[in-house]
Amino acid sequence: MTVMERLANSIVVPVVVLNKVEDAVPTARAMAAGGVDTMEITFRTACAPEAIKAVADNCPEVLVGAGTIVNVEQAKLAVEMGAKFIVSPGFSDEVVAWCVENNIPVAPGCVTPTEIMAALKHGLKMVKFFPANVYGGLNAMKNLSAPFVGLKFLPTGGVNTANIKEYVDAPFIHAVGGSWVCPAAAIANGEWDKITALCLEARAAAKGE
């Protein structure tokens, strides 16, 4: 299964903020136990590179990527540490070009037709849509998908268990991102069972179960 297929199959691509490397593997395993076997570890914290390495080395069943990547240096470091995909909050031509050149799947943040056209120029088939709830949510993506036939979105921001089915049922959605299945407090308190339960709940809701 390709990286893109893994992301779609996971349905939810959790946005994981880690403050301690030691929390990386238990978090990854807790989510995998809930049927979510992908994770985007954000570069918002200093331990992110080591956390990615920990998951890549110890959890072969989990597809780990790096999020909040804003420059090529971060992208290179993330991939060196084992990241299998890159997610950016916005569009960086340099980051996308480097990822494409090195066959690393990348989802840059694109919310305008101009940004989407820049991504398509690099041959991308999927872009991040962030923050989805601020930029018009499903209605905005539906309208953007009309001129950009075949483009898929990875919306993050405002997606939750209550509305996930509405999102994933849309033909232009590849998967959804979000941190609600791995809350910072649950990670900090070592509530791994809670994370597993939230992942199970999200996947069930997505399937209308």
N, C-alpha and C. Protein backbone atom coordinates (compact mmCIF):
# COMPACT_ATOMS: atom_id res chain seq x y z
N MET A 1 0.85 -1.20 0.00
CA MET A 1 0.00 0.00 0.00
C MET A 1 0.89 1.25 0.00
N THR A 2 0.58 2.20 -0.88
CA THR A 2 1.37 3.42 -0.95
C THR A 2 1.08 4.32 0.26
N VAL A 3 1.91 5.33 0.44
CA VAL A 3 1.70 6.29 1.53
C VAL A 3 0.34 6.96 1.39
N MET A 4 0.00 7.37 0.17
CA MET A 4 -1.29 8.03 -0.06
C MET A 4 -2.45 7.09 0.26
N GLU A 5 -2.32 5.83 -0.09
CA GLU A 5 -3.35 4.84 0.22
C GLU A 5 -3.46 4.60 1.72
N ARG A 6 -2.32 4.58 2.39
CA ARG A 6 -2.33 4.41 3.85
C ARG A 6 -3.06 5.57 4.53
N LEU A 7 -2.82 6.78 4.07
CA LEU A 7 -3.47 7.96 4.65
C LEU A 7 -4.98 7.88 4.47
N ALA A 8 -5.41 7.51 3.28
CA ALA A 8 -6.85 7.40 3.02
C ALA A 8 -7.47 6.28 3.84
N ASN A 9 -6.77 5.17 3.96
CA ASN A 9 -7.27 4.01 4.69
C ASN A 9 -7.40 4.29 6.18
N SER A 10 -6.52 5.15 6.70
CA SER A 10 -6.54 5.50 8.12
C SER A 10 -7.74 6.37 8.45
N ILE A 11 -8.26 7.08 7.45
CA ILE A 11 -9.38 8.03 7.56
C ILE A 11 -8.97 9.28 8.33
N VAL A 12 -8.46 9.07 9.55
CA VAL A 12 -7.99 10.19 10.36
C VAL A 12 -6.46 10.18 10.37
N VAL A 13 -5.86 11.33 10.10
CA VAL A 13 -4.42 11.48 10.21
C VAL A 13 -4.19 12.41 11.41
N PRO A 14 -3.95 11.84 12.60
CA PRO A 14 -3.84 12.65 13.80
C PRO A 14 -2.68 13.64 13.75
N VAL A 15 -2.96 14.85 14.20
CA VAL A 15 -1.93 15.87 14.35
C VAL A 15 -1.45 15.77 15.79
N VAL A 16 -0.24 15.27 15.96
CA VAL A 16 0.26 14.92 17.30
C VAL A 16 1.33 15.91 17.75
N VAL A 17 1.06 16.55 18.88
CA VAL A 17 2.02 17.48 19.49
C VAL A 17 2.64 16.79 20.69
N LEU A 18 3.94 16.56 20.62
CA LEU A 18 4.63 15.85 21.70
C LEU A 18 5.63 16.76 22.39
N ASN A 19 5.63 16.72 23.71
CA ASN A 19 6.58 17.50 24.49
C ASN A 19 7.70 16.65 25.05
N LYS A 20 7.51 15.32 24.99
CA LYS A 20 8.53 14.39 25.46
C LYS A 20 8.68 13.25 24.47
N VAL A 21 9.93 12.91 24.15
CA VAL A 21 10.19 11.81 23.23
C VAL A 21 9.57 10.52 23.76
N GLU A 22 9.60 10.35 25.09
CA GLU A 22 9.12 9.12 25.71
C GLU A 22 7.64 8.84 25.43
N ASP A 23 6.91 9.89 25.08
CA ASP A 23 5.47 9.73 24.81
C ASP A 23 5.17 9.29 23.39
N ALA A 24 6.17 9.34 22.52
CA ALA A 24 5.93 9.09 21.09
C ALA A 24 5.44 7.67 20.80
N VAL A 25 6.17 6.68 21.28
CA VAL A 25 5.83 5.28 20.98
C VAL A 25 4.50 4.87 21.63
N PRO A 26 4.28 5.17 22.92
CA PRO A 26 2.97 4.81 23.51
C PRO A 26 1.80 5.47 22.79
N THR A 27 1.98 6.71 22.35
CA THR A 27 0.92 7.41 21.62
C THR A 27 0.65 6.71 20.29
N ALA A 28 1.71 6.37 19.58
CA ALA A 28 1.57 5.70 18.28
C ALA A 28 0.86 4.35 18.45
N ARG A 29 1.26 3.60 19.46
CA ARG A 29 0.66 2.28 19.68
C ARG A 29 -0.80 2.39 20.13
N ALA A 30 -1.10 3.41 20.92
CA ALA A 30 -2.47 3.61 21.38
C ALA A 30 -3.39 3.91 20.21
N MET A 31 -2.92 4.75 19.28
CA MET A 31 -3.72 5.08 18.11
C MET A 31 -3.87 3.88 17.18
N ALA A 32 -2.79 3.14 16.99
CA ALA A 32 -2.84 1.96 16.13
C ALA A 32 -3.83 0.94 16.67
N ALA A 33 -3.90 0.83 18.00
CA ALA A 33 -4.86 -0.09 18.63
C ALA A 33 -6.29 0.34 18.35
N GLY A 34 -6.47 1.63 18.04
CA GLY A 34 -7.79 2.16 17.72
C GLY A 34 -8.06 2.20 16.23
N GLY A 35 -7.18 1.56 15.44
CA GLY A 35 -7.39 1.48 14.00
C GLY A 35 -6.82 2.63 13.20
N VAL A 36 -6.14 3.55 13.88
CA VAL A 36 -5.53 4.70 13.19
C VAL A 36 -4.02 4.46 13.15
N ASP A 37 -3.52 4.06 11.99
CA ASP A 37 -2.10 3.67 11.91
C ASP A 37 -1.24 4.69 11.17
N THR A 38 -1.68 5.94 11.17
CA THR A 38 -0.86 7.03 10.63
C THR A 38 -0.80 8.14 11.68
N MET A 39 0.26 8.92 11.65
CA MET A 39 0.33 10.06 12.56
C MET A 39 1.25 11.14 12.00
N GLU A 40 0.85 12.36 12.21
CA GLU A 40 1.64 13.52 11.79
C GLU A 40 2.19 14.18 13.05
N ILE A 41 3.48 14.00 13.31
CA ILE A 41 4.11 14.62 14.47
C ILE A 41 4.56 16.02 14.07
N THR A 42 4.05 17.02 14.77
CA THR A 42 4.33 18.40 14.38
C THR A 42 5.70 18.86 14.84
N PHE A 43 6.29 19.73 14.05
CA PHE A 43 7.59 20.31 14.37
C PHE A 43 7.44 21.55 15.27
N ARG A 44 6.34 21.62 16.03
CA ARG A 44 6.14 22.76 16.93
C ARG A 44 6.96 22.63 18.20
N THR A 45 7.43 21.42 18.50
CA THR A 45 8.19 21.22 19.74
C THR A 45 9.60 20.74 19.42
N ALA A 46 10.50 20.99 20.35
CA ALA A 46 11.92 20.69 20.14
C ALA A 46 12.19 19.20 19.98
N CYS A 47 11.36 18.35 20.60
CA CYS A 47 11.63 16.91 20.56
C CYS A 47 11.06 16.22 19.33
N ALA A 48 10.41 16.97 18.44
CA ALA A 48 9.74 16.37 17.28
C ALA A 48 10.64 15.45 16.45
N PRO A 49 11.85 15.88 16.07
CA PRO A 49 12.68 14.99 15.25
C PRO A 49 12.97 13.65 15.93
N GLU A 50 13.33 13.69 17.22
CA GLU A 50 13.62 12.46 17.94
C GLU A 50 12.36 11.62 18.13
N ALA A 51 11.22 12.30 18.28
CA ALA A 51 9.95 11.57 18.45
C ALA A 51 9.62 10.81 17.17
N ILE A 52 9.85 11.44 16.03
CA ILE A 52 9.62 10.77 14.73
C ILE A 52 10.53 9.56 14.61
N LYS A 53 11.78 9.73 14.99
CA LYS A 53 12.74 8.61 14.93
C LYS A 53 12.30 7.46 15.83
N ALA A 54 11.80 7.79 17.01
CA ALA A 54 11.37 6.76 17.96
C ALA A 54 10.23 5.93 17.38
N VAL A 55 9.27 6.60 16.74
CA VAL A 55 8.15 5.88 16.15
C VAL A 55 8.61 5.07 14.93
N ALA A 56 9.43 5.69 14.10
CA ALA A 56 9.92 5.01 12.89
C ALA A 56 10.72 3.75 13.25
N ASP A 57 11.50 3.83 14.33
CA ASP A 57 12.35 2.70 14.74
C ASP A 57 11.59 1.61 15.49
N ASN A 58 10.55 1.99 16.23
CA ASN A 58 9.91 1.04 17.14
C ASN A 58 8.49 0.62 16.77
N CYS A 59 7.87 1.35 15.83
CA CYS A 59 6.48 1.05 15.46
C CYS A 59 6.35 0.89 13.95
N PRO A 60 6.83 -0.23 13.42
CA PRO A 60 6.77 -0.42 11.96
C PRO A 60 5.35 -0.45 11.42
N GLU A 61 4.37 -0.72 12.31
CA GLU A 61 2.97 -0.77 11.87
C GLU A 61 2.37 0.61 11.69
N VAL A 62 3.08 1.65 12.13
CA VAL A 62 2.56 3.02 12.06
C VAL A 62 3.31 3.83 11.01
N LEU A 63 2.55 4.50 10.15
CA LEU A 63 3.14 5.39 9.15
C LEU A 63 3.30 6.77 9.77
N VAL A 64 4.52 7.19 9.99
CA VAL A 64 4.76 8.46 10.67
C VAL A 64 5.24 9.52 9.69
N GLY A 65 4.67 10.71 9.82
CA GLY A 65 5.07 11.84 8.99
C GLY A 65 5.36 13.05 9.86
N ALA A 66 5.79 14.12 9.23
CA ALA A 66 6.11 15.35 9.97
C ALA A 66 5.18 16.47 9.54
N GLY A 67 4.69 17.21 10.53
CA GLY A 67 3.80 18.33 10.23
C GLY A 67 4.41 19.66 10.63
N THR A 68 3.74 20.73 10.26
CA THR A 68 4.19 22.10 10.53
C THR A 68 5.60 22.32 9.98
N ILE A 69 5.86 21.74 8.81
CA ILE A 69 7.16 21.92 8.15
C ILE A 69 7.10 23.20 7.33
N VAL A 70 8.00 24.14 7.64
CA VAL A 70 7.96 25.44 6.97
C VAL A 70 9.19 25.75 6.12
N ASN A 71 10.21 24.87 6.17
CA ASN A 71 11.38 25.10 5.31
C ASN A 71 12.03 23.77 4.95
N VAL A 72 12.93 23.83 3.98
CA VAL A 72 13.56 22.61 3.46
C VAL A 72 14.43 21.94 4.53
N GLU A 73 15.08 22.74 5.37
CA GLU A 73 15.94 22.17 6.40
C GLU A 73 15.13 21.25 7.32
N GLN A 74 13.94 21.70 7.71
CA GLN A 74 13.07 20.87 8.55
C GLN A 74 12.64 19.62 7.81
N ALA A 75 12.30 19.77 6.55
CA ALA A 75 11.86 18.61 5.75
C ALA A 75 12.97 17.57 5.67
N LYS A 76 14.18 18.01 5.40
CA LYS A 76 15.33 17.09 5.32
C LYS A 76 15.55 16.37 6.63
N LEU A 77 15.51 17.11 7.73
CA LEU A 77 15.72 16.51 9.05
C LEU A 77 14.64 15.49 9.36
N ALA A 78 13.40 15.84 9.06
CA ALA A 78 12.28 14.95 9.33
C ALA A 78 12.43 13.63 8.58
N VAL A 79 12.79 13.72 7.31
CA VAL A 79 12.95 12.52 6.48
C VAL A 79 14.14 11.69 6.97
N GLU A 80 15.22 12.37 7.36
CA GLU A 80 16.38 11.66 7.91
C GLU A 80 15.99 10.87 9.15
N MET A 81 15.06 11.40 9.92
CA MET A 81 14.62 10.76 11.16
C MET A 81 13.58 9.66 10.92
N GLY A 82 13.10 9.56 9.69
CA GLY A 82 12.18 8.47 9.37
C GLY A 82 10.80 8.89 8.92
N ALA A 83 10.55 10.19 8.78
CA ALA A 83 9.23 10.65 8.33
C ALA A 83 8.98 10.16 6.90
N LYS A 84 7.76 9.63 6.68
CA LYS A 84 7.42 9.09 5.36
C LYS A 84 6.57 10.06 4.54
N PHE A 85 6.10 11.13 5.18
CA PHE A 85 5.38 12.16 4.44
C PHE A 85 5.55 13.50 5.16
N ILE A 86 5.32 14.58 4.42
CA ILE A 86 5.51 15.94 4.95
C ILE A 86 4.20 16.72 4.81
N VAL A 87 3.85 17.44 5.86
CA VAL A 87 2.67 18.30 5.83
C VAL A 87 3.09 19.71 6.23
N SER A 88 2.65 20.71 5.47
CA SER A 88 2.97 22.10 5.77
C SER A 88 1.69 22.89 6.01
N PRO A 89 1.75 23.91 6.88
CA PRO A 89 0.56 24.72 7.11
C PRO A 89 0.21 25.62 5.93
N GLY A 90 1.23 25.94 5.13
CA GLY A 90 1.02 26.78 3.96
C GLY A 90 1.80 26.23 2.78
N PHE A 91 1.79 26.96 1.66
CA PHE A 91 2.51 26.49 0.47
C PHE A 91 3.90 27.09 0.41
N SER A 92 4.91 26.23 0.37
CA SER A 92 6.30 26.64 0.17
C SER A 92 6.80 25.95 -1.08
N ASP A 93 7.12 26.74 -2.08
CA ASP A 93 7.59 26.17 -3.34
C ASP A 93 8.86 25.35 -3.12
N GLU A 94 9.74 25.85 -2.24
CA GLU A 94 11.01 25.16 -1.98
C GLU A 94 10.78 23.80 -1.33
N VAL A 95 9.90 23.76 -0.33
CA VAL A 95 9.63 22.50 0.37
C VAL A 95 8.99 21.49 -0.58
N VAL A 96 7.99 21.94 -1.32
CA VAL A 96 7.29 21.03 -2.24
C VAL A 96 8.25 20.51 -3.30
N ALA A 97 9.07 21.39 -3.86
CA ALA A 97 10.01 20.99 -4.91
C ALA A 97 10.98 19.94 -4.38
N TRP A 98 11.49 20.15 -3.17
CA TRP A 98 12.44 19.19 -2.57
C TRP A 98 11.76 17.84 -2.34
N CYS A 99 10.55 17.86 -1.83
CA CYS A 99 9.84 16.62 -1.56
C CYS A 99 9.56 15.84 -2.85
N VAL A 100 9.10 16.55 -3.86
CA VAL A 100 8.80 15.90 -5.14
C VAL A 100 10.08 15.30 -5.74
N GLU A 101 11.16 16.06 -5.68
CA GLU A 101 12.44 15.60 -6.22
C GLU A 101 12.93 14.34 -5.51
N ASN A 102 12.59 14.23 -4.21
CA ASN A 102 13.06 13.09 -3.42
C ASN A 102 11.99 12.03 -3.17
N ASN A 103 10.90 12.13 -3.94
CA ASN A 103 9.81 11.15 -3.86
C ASN A 103 9.21 11.02 -2.47
N ILE A 104 9.08 12.14 -1.78
CA ILE A 104 8.45 12.19 -0.46
C ILE A 104 7.06 12.79 -0.62
N PRO A 105 5.99 12.06 -0.32
CA PRO A 105 4.65 12.63 -0.42
C PRO A 105 4.55 13.88 0.46
N VAL A 106 3.95 14.92 -0.10
CA VAL A 106 3.86 16.19 0.63
C VAL A 106 2.46 16.78 0.46
N ALA A 107 1.93 17.33 1.56
CA ALA A 107 0.62 17.98 1.53
C ALA A 107 0.79 19.41 2.03
N PRO A 108 1.00 20.36 1.12
CA PRO A 108 1.14 21.75 1.54
C PRO A 108 -0.23 22.37 1.81
N GLY A 109 -0.27 23.34 2.68
CA GLY A 109 -1.52 24.02 2.97
C GLY A 109 -1.91 24.93 1.82
N CYS A 110 -3.07 24.68 1.21
CA CYS A 110 -3.54 25.48 0.08
C CYS A 110 -5.03 25.78 0.26
N VAL A 111 -5.38 27.05 0.35
CA VAL A 111 -6.79 27.41 0.52
C VAL A 111 -7.31 28.35 -0.56
N THR A 112 -6.43 28.75 -1.48
CA THR A 112 -6.86 29.64 -2.57
C THR A 112 -6.59 28.96 -3.92
N PRO A 113 -7.31 29.37 -4.96
CA PRO A 113 -7.05 28.81 -6.29
C PRO A 113 -5.59 28.99 -6.73
N THR A 114 -5.00 30.11 -6.39
CA THR A 114 -3.61 30.38 -6.78
C THR A 114 -2.66 29.39 -6.12
N GLU A 115 -2.87 29.14 -4.81
CA GLU A 115 -2.01 28.18 -4.11
C GLU A 115 -2.20 26.78 -4.66
N ILE A 116 -3.44 26.42 -4.97
CA ILE A 116 -3.72 25.10 -5.52
C ILE A 116 -3.04 24.93 -6.88
N MET A 117 -3.09 25.97 -7.70
CA MET A 117 -2.44 25.90 -9.01
C MET A 117 -0.93 25.73 -8.88
N ALA A 118 -0.36 26.37 -7.85
CA ALA A 118 1.08 26.23 -7.60
C ALA A 118 1.40 24.79 -7.22
N ALA A 119 0.51 24.17 -6.42
CA ALA A 119 0.72 22.78 -6.02
C ALA A 119 0.56 21.83 -7.21
N LEU A 120 -0.45 22.09 -8.05
CA LEU A 120 -0.68 21.26 -9.22
C LEU A 120 0.49 21.32 -10.20
N LYS A 121 1.14 22.46 -10.23
CA LYS A 121 2.30 22.63 -11.12
C LYS A 121 3.40 21.62 -10.78
N HIS A 122 3.44 21.22 -9.50
CA HIS A 122 4.44 20.23 -9.06
C HIS A 122 3.91 18.80 -9.17
N GLY A 123 2.70 18.66 -9.69
CA GLY A 123 2.14 17.33 -9.88
C GLY A 123 1.43 16.75 -8.67
N LEU A 124 1.15 17.58 -7.67
CA LEU A 124 0.49 17.07 -6.47
C LEU A 124 -0.97 16.73 -6.74
N LYS A 125 -1.45 15.71 -6.04
CA LYS A 125 -2.85 15.27 -6.19
C LYS A 125 -3.65 15.54 -4.91
N MET A 126 -2.94 15.95 -3.84
CA MET A 126 -3.61 16.21 -2.56
C MET A 126 -2.96 17.41 -1.88
N VAL A 127 -3.80 18.25 -1.27
CA VAL A 127 -3.28 19.39 -0.51
C VAL A 127 -3.98 19.45 0.85
N LYS A 128 -3.31 20.06 1.79
CA LYS A 128 -3.92 20.28 3.11
C LYS A 128 -4.81 21.51 3.00
N PHE A 129 -5.92 21.50 3.73
CA PHE A 129 -6.82 22.66 3.74
C PHE A 129 -6.95 23.08 5.20
N PHE A 130 -6.23 24.16 5.56
CA PHE A 130 -6.11 24.56 6.96
C PHE A 130 -6.12 26.07 7.12
N PRO A 131 -6.80 26.57 8.16
CA PRO A 131 -7.78 25.87 9.01
C PRO A 131 -9.13 25.77 8.29
N ALA A 132 -9.60 24.55 8.16
CA ALA A 132 -10.79 24.27 7.34
C ALA A 132 -12.02 25.05 7.80
N ASN A 133 -12.21 25.12 9.11
CA ASN A 133 -13.42 25.79 9.62
C ASN A 133 -13.38 27.30 9.41
N VAL A 134 -12.19 27.86 9.27
CA VAL A 134 -12.05 29.31 9.05
C VAL A 134 -12.23 29.65 7.57
N TYR A 135 -11.73 28.77 6.68
CA TYR A 135 -11.76 29.06 5.25
C TYR A 135 -12.94 28.46 4.50
N GLY A 136 -14.02 28.17 5.21
CA GLY A 136 -15.25 27.78 4.52
C GLY A 136 -15.60 26.31 4.54
N GLY A 137 -14.75 25.49 5.17
CA GLY A 137 -15.07 24.07 5.34
C GLY A 137 -15.41 23.33 4.07
N LEU A 138 -16.35 22.42 4.19
CA LEU A 138 -16.72 21.56 3.07
C LEU A 138 -17.23 22.33 1.87
N ASN A 139 -17.99 23.38 2.12
CA ASN A 139 -18.55 24.16 1.01
C ASN A 139 -17.45 24.78 0.17
N ALA A 140 -16.42 25.30 0.84
CA ALA A 140 -15.29 25.90 0.12
C ALA A 140 -14.56 24.85 -0.70
N MET A 141 -14.29 23.70 -0.09
CA MET A 141 -13.57 22.64 -0.81
C MET A 141 -14.40 22.10 -1.98
N LYS A 142 -15.71 22.03 -1.81
CA LYS A 142 -16.58 21.57 -2.89
C LYS A 142 -16.46 22.52 -4.09
N ASN A 143 -16.49 23.81 -3.81
CA ASN A 143 -16.40 24.80 -4.88
C ASN A 143 -15.02 24.80 -5.53
N LEU A 144 -13.98 24.59 -4.73
CA LEU A 144 -12.62 24.56 -5.28
C LEU A 144 -12.39 23.29 -6.09
N SER A 145 -13.08 22.22 -5.73
CA SER A 145 -12.86 20.95 -6.44
C SER A 145 -13.46 20.98 -7.84
N ALA A 146 -14.40 21.89 -8.08
CA ALA A 146 -15.04 21.95 -9.41
C ALA A 146 -14.04 22.27 -10.52
N PRO A 147 -13.23 23.35 -10.40
CA PRO A 147 -12.27 23.62 -11.47
C PRO A 147 -11.02 22.75 -11.41
N PHE A 148 -10.75 22.20 -10.22
CA PHE A 148 -9.55 21.37 -10.07
C PHE A 148 -9.95 19.90 -9.95
N VAL A 149 -10.36 19.34 -11.07
CA VAL A 149 -10.90 17.98 -11.11
C VAL A 149 -9.84 16.97 -10.66
N GLY A 150 -10.25 16.11 -9.74
CA GLY A 150 -9.34 15.05 -9.29
C GLY A 150 -8.52 15.41 -8.07
N LEU A 151 -8.50 16.69 -7.72
CA LEU A 151 -7.72 17.11 -6.55
C LEU A 151 -8.42 16.66 -5.27
N LYS A 152 -7.64 16.15 -4.31
CA LYS A 152 -8.19 15.74 -3.03
C LYS A 152 -7.65 16.65 -1.92
N PHE A 153 -8.46 16.81 -0.88
CA PHE A 153 -8.08 17.67 0.24
C PHE A 153 -7.87 16.86 1.52
N LEU A 154 -6.98 17.37 2.36
CA LEU A 154 -6.76 16.86 3.70
C LEU A 154 -7.11 18.00 4.66
N PRO A 155 -8.39 18.12 5.03
CA PRO A 155 -8.79 19.24 5.87
C PRO A 155 -8.41 19.03 7.34
N THR A 156 -7.94 20.09 7.95
CA THR A 156 -7.61 20.08 9.37
C THR A 156 -8.12 21.38 9.98
N GLY A 157 -8.71 21.27 11.16
CA GLY A 157 -9.24 22.45 11.81
C GLY A 157 -10.75 22.44 11.78
N GLY A 158 -11.36 22.10 12.91
CA GLY A 158 -12.81 22.06 12.98
C GLY A 158 -13.43 20.71 12.67
N VAL A 159 -12.60 19.75 12.28
CA VAL A 159 -13.12 18.40 12.04
C VAL A 159 -13.15 17.66 13.38
N ASN A 160 -14.22 16.92 13.63
CA ASN A 160 -14.33 16.17 14.88
C ASN A 160 -15.24 14.96 14.67
N THR A 161 -15.46 14.21 15.73
CA THR A 161 -16.28 13.00 15.61
C THR A 161 -17.70 13.31 15.16
N ALA A 162 -18.21 14.48 15.54
CA ALA A 162 -19.59 14.84 15.21
C ALA A 162 -19.79 15.09 13.71
N ASN A 163 -18.75 15.59 13.03
CA ASN A 163 -18.93 15.92 11.60
C ASN A 163 -18.02 15.13 10.65
N ILE A 164 -17.27 14.18 11.19
CA ILE A 164 -16.29 13.48 10.35
C ILE A 164 -16.93 12.75 9.18
N LYS A 165 -18.11 12.16 9.40
CA LYS A 165 -18.76 11.41 8.30
C LYS A 165 -19.11 12.32 7.14
N GLU A 166 -19.59 13.52 7.46
CA GLU A 166 -19.94 14.49 6.42
C GLU A 166 -18.70 14.82 5.58
N TYR A 167 -17.56 14.92 6.25
CA TYR A 167 -16.32 15.22 5.54
C TYR A 167 -15.88 14.04 4.67
N VAL A 168 -15.73 12.87 5.28
CA VAL A 168 -15.14 11.75 4.53
C VAL A 168 -16.07 11.22 3.44
N ASP A 169 -17.36 11.51 3.53
CA ASP A 169 -18.28 11.08 2.48
C ASP A 169 -18.13 11.92 1.21
N ALA A 170 -17.53 13.10 1.33
CA ALA A 170 -17.35 13.97 0.16
C ALA A 170 -16.28 13.38 -0.75
N PRO A 171 -16.53 13.31 -2.05
CA PRO A 171 -15.59 12.66 -2.98
C PRO A 171 -14.25 13.37 -3.12
N PHE A 172 -14.20 14.62 -2.70
CA PHE A 172 -12.95 15.39 -2.83
C PHE A 172 -12.10 15.37 -1.56
N ILE A 173 -12.50 14.58 -0.56
CA ILE A 173 -11.73 14.47 0.68
C ILE A 173 -10.89 13.19 0.65
N HIS A 174 -9.59 13.32 0.88
CA HIS A 174 -8.69 12.16 0.88
C HIS A 174 -8.69 11.50 2.26
N ALA A 175 -8.59 12.33 3.30
CA ALA A 175 -8.62 11.92 4.71
C ALA A 175 -8.79 13.21 5.49
N VAL A 176 -8.95 13.10 6.80
CA VAL A 176 -9.05 14.32 7.61
C VAL A 176 -7.95 14.34 8.66
N GLY A 177 -7.54 15.54 9.02
CA GLY A 177 -6.53 15.69 10.06
C GLY A 177 -7.14 16.29 11.30
N GLY A 178 -6.44 16.17 12.40
CA GLY A 178 -6.95 16.76 13.63
C GLY A 178 -6.27 16.19 14.86
N SER A 179 -6.38 16.93 15.95
CA SER A 179 -5.73 16.49 17.19
C SER A 179 -6.73 15.98 18.22
N TRP A 180 -8.02 15.97 17.86
CA TRP A 180 -9.02 15.58 18.86
C TRP A 180 -8.92 14.11 19.26
N VAL A 181 -8.29 13.28 18.45
CA VAL A 181 -8.16 11.87 18.82
C VAL A 181 -6.93 11.60 19.69
N CYS A 182 -6.10 12.62 19.85
CA CYS A 182 -4.91 12.47 20.71
C CYS A 182 -4.69 13.78 21.46
N PRO A 183 -5.61 14.15 22.35
CA PRO A 183 -5.51 15.42 23.08
C PRO A 183 -4.20 15.53 23.86
N ALA A 184 -3.68 16.73 23.93
CA ALA A 184 -2.43 16.97 24.64
C ALA A 184 -2.50 16.49 26.09
N ALA A 185 -3.64 16.72 26.72
CA ALA A 185 -3.79 16.31 28.13
C ALA A 185 -3.73 14.80 28.28
N ALA A 186 -4.33 14.07 27.34
CA ALA A 186 -4.31 12.61 27.40
C ALA A 186 -2.89 12.08 27.23
N ILE A 187 -2.14 12.70 26.33
CA ILE A 187 -0.74 12.30 26.12
C ILE A 187 0.07 12.60 27.37
N ALA A 188 -0.09 13.80 27.92
CA ALA A 188 0.67 14.21 29.10
C ALA A 188 0.38 13.32 30.31
N ASN A 189 -0.87 12.85 30.41
CA ASN A 189 -1.27 12.03 31.56
C ASN A 189 -1.13 10.53 31.31
N GLY A 190 -0.64 10.19 30.12
CA GLY A 190 -0.45 8.77 29.82
C GLY A 190 -1.75 8.00 29.70
N GLU A 191 -2.79 8.68 29.25
CA GLU A 191 -4.11 8.03 29.13
C GLU A 191 -4.22 7.34 27.76
N TRP A 192 -3.45 6.28 27.61
CA TRP A 192 -3.37 5.62 26.30
C TRP A 192 -4.70 4.97 25.92
N ASP A 193 -5.40 4.40 26.90
CA ASP A 193 -6.70 3.78 26.62
C ASP A 193 -7.70 4.81 26.08
N LYS A 194 -7.61 6.02 26.60
CA LYS A 194 -8.51 7.08 26.14
C LYS A 194 -8.24 7.41 24.68
N ILE A 195 -6.96 7.48 24.31
CA ILE A 195 -6.59 7.77 22.92
C ILE A 195 -7.08 6.66 22.00
N THR A 196 -6.91 5.42 22.43
CA THR A 196 -7.41 4.29 21.63
C THR A 196 -8.92 4.39 21.44
N ALA A 197 -9.63 4.72 22.52
CA ALA A 197 -11.09 4.84 22.45
C ALA A 197 -11.51 5.97 21.52
N LEU A 198 -10.82 7.09 21.57
CA LEU A 198 -11.15 8.23 20.71
C LEU A 198 -10.93 7.88 19.23
N CYS A 199 -9.87 7.11 18.95
CA CYS A 199 -9.60 6.70 17.57
C CYS A 199 -10.67 5.73 17.08
N LEU A 200 -11.05 4.78 17.92
CA LEU A 200 -12.11 3.84 17.56
C LEU A 200 -13.41 4.58 17.29
N GLU A 201 -13.70 5.54 18.15
CA GLU A 201 -14.93 6.34 18.03
C GLU A 201 -14.95 7.15 16.74
N ALA A 202 -13.82 7.75 16.41
CA ALA A 202 -13.73 8.57 15.20
C ALA A 202 -13.91 7.72 13.94
N ARG A 203 -13.26 6.57 13.89
CA ARG A 203 -13.38 5.70 12.72
C ARG A 203 -14.81 5.15 12.59
N ALA A 204 -15.41 4.80 13.71
CA ALA A 204 -16.79 4.31 13.68
C ALA A 204 -17.73 5.39 13.18
N ALA A 205 -17.54 6.62 13.65
CA ALA A 205 -18.39 7.73 13.23
C ALA A 205 -18.21 8.01 11.74
N ALA A 206 -16.99 7.89 11.26
CA ALA A 206 -16.70 8.13 9.84
C ALA A 206 -17.44 7.13 8.95
N LYS A 207 -17.61 5.93 9.48
CA LYS A 207 -18.27 4.86 8.71
C LYS A 207 -19.78 4.81 9.00
N GLY A 208 -20.24 5.73 9.87
CA GLY A 208 -21.66 5.76 10.18
C GLY A 208 -22.11 4.64 11.08
N GLU A 209 -21.17 4.12 11.87
CA GLU A 209 -21.50 2.98 12.75
C GLU A 209 -21.94 3.46 14.14
